[in-house]
Protein backbone atom coordinates (compact mmCIF):
# COMPACT_ATOMS: atom_id res chain seq x y z
CA MET A 1 155.23 39.25 141.03
CA ILE A 2 152.30 41.27 142.33
CA GLY A 3 149.58 39.17 143.93
CA HIS A 4 146.03 39.25 142.57
CA ARG A 5 144.64 41.07 145.63
CA ARG A 6 147.39 43.68 145.51
CA PHE A 7 146.86 44.13 141.79
CA MET A 8 143.13 44.69 142.26
CA GLN A 9 143.82 47.21 145.03
CA MET A 10 146.13 49.16 142.71
CA ILE A 11 143.48 49.14 139.98
CA MET A 12 140.85 50.47 142.41
CA VAL A 13 143.15 53.24 143.63
CA PHE A 14 144.01 54.25 140.08
CA PHE A 15 140.35 54.23 139.12
CA GLY A 16 139.52 56.34 142.16
CA VAL A 17 142.14 58.92 141.22
CA LEU A 18 140.74 59.17 137.69
CA VAL A 19 137.18 59.61 138.94
CA GLY A 20 138.27 62.25 141.44
CA ALA A 21 140.20 64.17 138.81
CA ALA A 22 137.29 64.04 136.40
CA ALA A 23 134.88 65.28 139.06
CA SER A 24 137.25 68.11 139.96
CA CYS A 25 137.56 69.22 136.34
CA GLN A 26 133.80 69.07 135.92
CA THR A 27 133.28 71.20 139.03
CA ILE A 28 135.70 73.84 137.80
CA TYR A 29 134.04 73.84 134.39
CA LEU A 30 130.57 74.16 135.86
CA ASP A 31 131.68 76.98 138.14
CA GLU A 32 133.07 78.97 135.21
CA GLN A 33 130.05 78.26 133.06
CA ASP A 34 127.34 78.91 135.63
CA ILE A 35 128.77 81.54 137.94
CA THR A 36 127.12 84.46 136.15
CA THR A 37 123.73 82.76 136.07
CA SER A 38 124.03 81.74 139.73
CA LEU A 39 124.95 85.27 140.80
CA GLN A 40 122.22 86.94 138.77
CA SER A 41 119.61 84.63 140.25
CA SER A 42 120.98 85.30 143.74
CA PHE A 43 120.93 89.08 143.21
CA ASP A 44 117.25 88.91 142.28
CA LYS A 45 116.64 87.15 145.59
CA ILE A 46 118.67 89.31 147.97
CA TYR A 47 117.15 92.43 146.38
CA LEU A 48 114.02 91.50 148.32
CA ALA A 49 115.83 92.09 151.63
CA LYS A 50 115.89 95.82 150.90
CA TYR A 51 112.93 96.37 148.63
CA GLY A 52 110.62 93.36 149.06
CA LEU A 53 107.23 94.28 150.50
CA ASN A 54 106.85 90.92 152.22
CA TYR A 55 110.35 90.66 153.63
CA PRO A 56 110.52 90.59 157.47
CA HIS A 57 112.93 93.40 158.29
CA SER A 58 113.15 92.48 161.96
CA LYS A 59 113.24 89.32 164.06
CA LYS A 60 109.99 90.41 165.66
CA THR A 61 108.31 90.56 162.27
CA LEU A 62 109.76 87.19 161.31
CA SER A 63 108.41 85.69 164.53
CA ARG A 64 104.92 86.92 163.64
CA CYS A 65 105.28 85.43 160.18
CA VAL A 66 106.15 82.07 161.73
CA LYS A 67 103.38 82.31 164.32
CA TYR A 68 100.67 83.06 161.77
CA ASN A 69 102.22 81.00 158.98
CA ASP A 70 102.46 83.97 156.64
CA THR A 71 103.65 82.09 153.57
CA GLN A 72 104.46 85.19 151.52
CA CYS A 73 106.66 86.53 154.29
CA LEU A 74 108.32 83.19 154.97
CA ASN A 75 108.93 82.46 151.29
CA THR A 76 110.48 85.88 150.76
CA HIS A 77 112.72 85.42 153.77
CA GLN A 78 113.81 82.02 152.49
CA LYS A 79 114.59 83.41 149.04
CA VAL A 80 116.94 85.95 150.60
CA LEU A 81 118.64 83.24 152.66
CA ASP A 82 119.02 81.08 149.55
CA GLY A 83 120.51 83.97 147.56
CA LYS A 84 122.99 84.78 150.31
CA SER A 85 123.94 81.11 150.69
CA THR A 86 124.61 80.73 146.96
CA ILE A 87 126.81 83.83 146.84
CA LEU A 88 128.85 82.67 149.82
CA SER A 89 129.26 79.19 148.30
CA LEU A 90 130.99 80.50 145.15
CA PRO A 91 134.77 81.07 144.86
CA SER A 92 135.03 84.52 146.40
CA ASP A 93 137.50 86.29 144.11
CA ALA A 94 136.02 84.87 140.92
CA ALA A 95 132.52 85.75 142.09
CA LEU A 96 133.59 89.32 142.86
CA ASN A 97 135.05 89.82 139.39
CA THR A 98 131.82 88.60 137.83
CA THR A 99 129.73 90.67 140.24
CA LEU A 100 131.56 93.86 139.29
CA ASP A 101 130.97 93.09 135.60
CA ILE A 102 127.28 92.41 136.22
CA ILE A 103 126.85 95.68 138.14
CA LYS A 104 128.39 97.69 135.33
CA LYS A 105 126.09 96.18 132.71
CA SER A 106 122.86 95.72 134.65
CA CYS A 107 122.73 99.18 136.22
CA VAL A 108 122.53 100.82 132.79
CA SER A 109 120.22 98.20 131.29
CA LYS A 110 117.01 99.27 129.57
CA ASP A 111 115.34 96.17 130.96
CA GLN A 112 113.70 97.43 134.16
CA ASN A 113 113.86 94.07 135.90
CA VAL A 114 117.60 93.85 135.28
CA ALA A 115 118.16 97.53 136.15
CA ASN A 116 116.40 97.02 139.48
CA PHE A 117 116.66 93.44 140.76
CA THR A 118 120.02 92.50 139.25
CA CYS A 119 121.73 95.87 139.58
CA TYR A 120 120.67 96.65 143.15
CA GLY A 121 121.02 93.05 144.28
CA GLY A 122 124.53 92.98 142.86
CA ILE A 123 125.47 96.15 144.71
CA MET A 124 123.99 94.76 147.93
CA SER A 125 126.17 91.66 147.58
CA LEU A 126 129.36 93.75 147.76
CA TYR A 127 129.00 93.43 151.53
CA PHE A 128 130.35 89.88 151.28
CA TYR A 129 133.66 90.97 149.70
CA SER A 130 135.61 92.73 152.41
CA THR A 131 139.26 91.70 152.31
CA ALA A 132 141.84 94.41 151.67
CA ALA A 133 142.56 93.06 148.18
CA GLN A 134 138.87 92.84 147.32
CA ASP A 135 138.28 96.34 148.64
CA LYS A 136 140.97 97.73 146.35
CA LYS A 137 139.55 95.83 143.41
CA ILE A 138 136.07 97.21 144.08
CA ILE A 139 137.18 100.83 144.34
CA GLU A 140 139.29 100.61 141.17
CA ARG A 141 136.31 99.27 139.23
CA VAL A 142 134.00 101.88 140.75
CA LYS A 143 136.33 104.61 139.49
CA GLN A 144 135.96 103.17 135.97
CA TYR A 145 132.18 102.86 136.10
CA PRO A 146 129.91 105.23 134.17
CA ARG A 147 128.72 108.17 136.27
CA GLU A 148 125.21 106.72 136.12
CA VAL A 149 126.34 103.62 137.98
CA ARG A 150 128.23 105.61 140.63
CA ASN A 151 125.08 107.64 141.21
CA ILE A 152 123.26 104.45 142.13
CA LEU A 153 126.15 103.18 144.27
CA PHE A 154 126.31 106.28 146.46
CA ASN A 155 122.84 107.81 146.37
CA ASN A 156 121.24 104.81 148.03
CA ASP A 157 122.04 103.44 151.48
CA PHE A 158 123.72 100.03 151.28
CA PHE A 159 125.18 97.87 154.02
CA TRP A 160 128.40 97.30 152.08
CA TYR A 161 129.49 100.79 153.18
CA HIS A 162 129.83 99.44 156.72
CA ASN A 163 132.07 96.48 155.88
CA ARG A 164 135.21 98.00 154.35
CA GLN A 165 138.75 97.09 155.35
CA ASP A 166 139.99 100.60 154.56
CA ASN A 167 137.12 103.02 155.01
CA GLN A 168 139.55 105.95 154.87
CA MET A 169 140.44 104.96 151.29
CA TRP A 170 136.76 105.26 150.42
CA ILE A 171 136.35 108.53 152.28
CA ASN A 172 139.31 110.00 150.40
CA TYR A 173 137.78 108.85 147.14
CA LEU A 174 134.37 110.30 147.98
CA SER A 175 135.95 113.74 148.33
CA ILE A 176 136.71 113.73 144.59
CA ALA A 177 134.19 111.19 143.24
CA GLU A 178 132.23 112.28 140.18
CA VAL A 179 128.71 111.72 141.49
CA ASP A 180 125.50 113.66 141.02
CA TRP A 181 124.65 113.79 144.72
CA LYS A 182 120.89 113.69 145.23
CA TYR A 183 121.03 116.39 147.90
CA GLU A 184 123.61 118.86 149.13
CA THR A 185 124.78 116.96 152.21
CA ARG A 186 124.57 113.48 150.72
CA ARG A 187 128.35 113.14 150.34
CA GLN A 188 128.84 113.71 154.07
CA THR A 189 126.01 111.30 154.83
CA VAL A 190 127.80 108.57 152.89
CA VAL A 191 131.10 109.38 154.63
CA ASP A 192 129.37 108.95 157.98
CA LEU A 193 127.98 105.60 156.85
CA PHE A 194 131.46 104.37 155.91
CA LEU A 195 132.58 105.30 159.42
CA THR A 196 129.76 103.32 161.05
CA THR A 197 130.03 99.61 161.80
CA ILE A 198 127.29 97.25 160.68
CA GLU A 199 126.33 96.56 164.30
CA ASN A 200 125.76 100.24 164.96
CA ALA A 201 124.08 100.77 161.61
CA ASP A 202 121.35 98.21 162.10
CA ASN A 203 121.35 95.39 164.63
CA GLU A 204 118.94 93.42 162.46
CA ALA A 205 120.68 93.90 159.12
CA TRP A 206 119.75 91.17 156.65
CA VAL A 207 123.43 90.46 155.93
CA LEU A 208 123.88 89.31 159.55
CA ARG A 209 120.80 87.10 159.62
């Protein structure tokens, strides 16, 4: 016969397992339900790192913001950090799939806020997906994108160029990519960027801060 204390211990363990399983299921459900919303909100924030007027683009500028308590500068900097943190906290492969879907839709949106903040922020976030498998997934989706989206991807300088596992794969693709290059030597400019490491590209890149 099982003693009372032992019986109570078994009940507590069983109850703990049930609670843990329920919490796990809820987390998975919430991730699937909210991942798009979380990413879109994060894209709007990290967009400011490239295009925000009040964003401190150097450590020196950030130091001045701190010294003089420039709230607009500090708040903008914090928004970017929050956006980056949220992106990195999500399941990487699932987040990438959703990101690629968001880019395709937002970059051709008639809503100017979506076409700017969400589209460009989404493209900027590609920096954080750099494994060989993720790189292949990105390039395959890029090949399927409308020409209009590829024009945005390659006619603007983004840090994700500098963080590719197989930059030669991208360089080979660029030689045949259907893009309306914004100037005659733009293709070569992008090739050079793919060949440049992030450290050599910009020592104060927002993605490293």
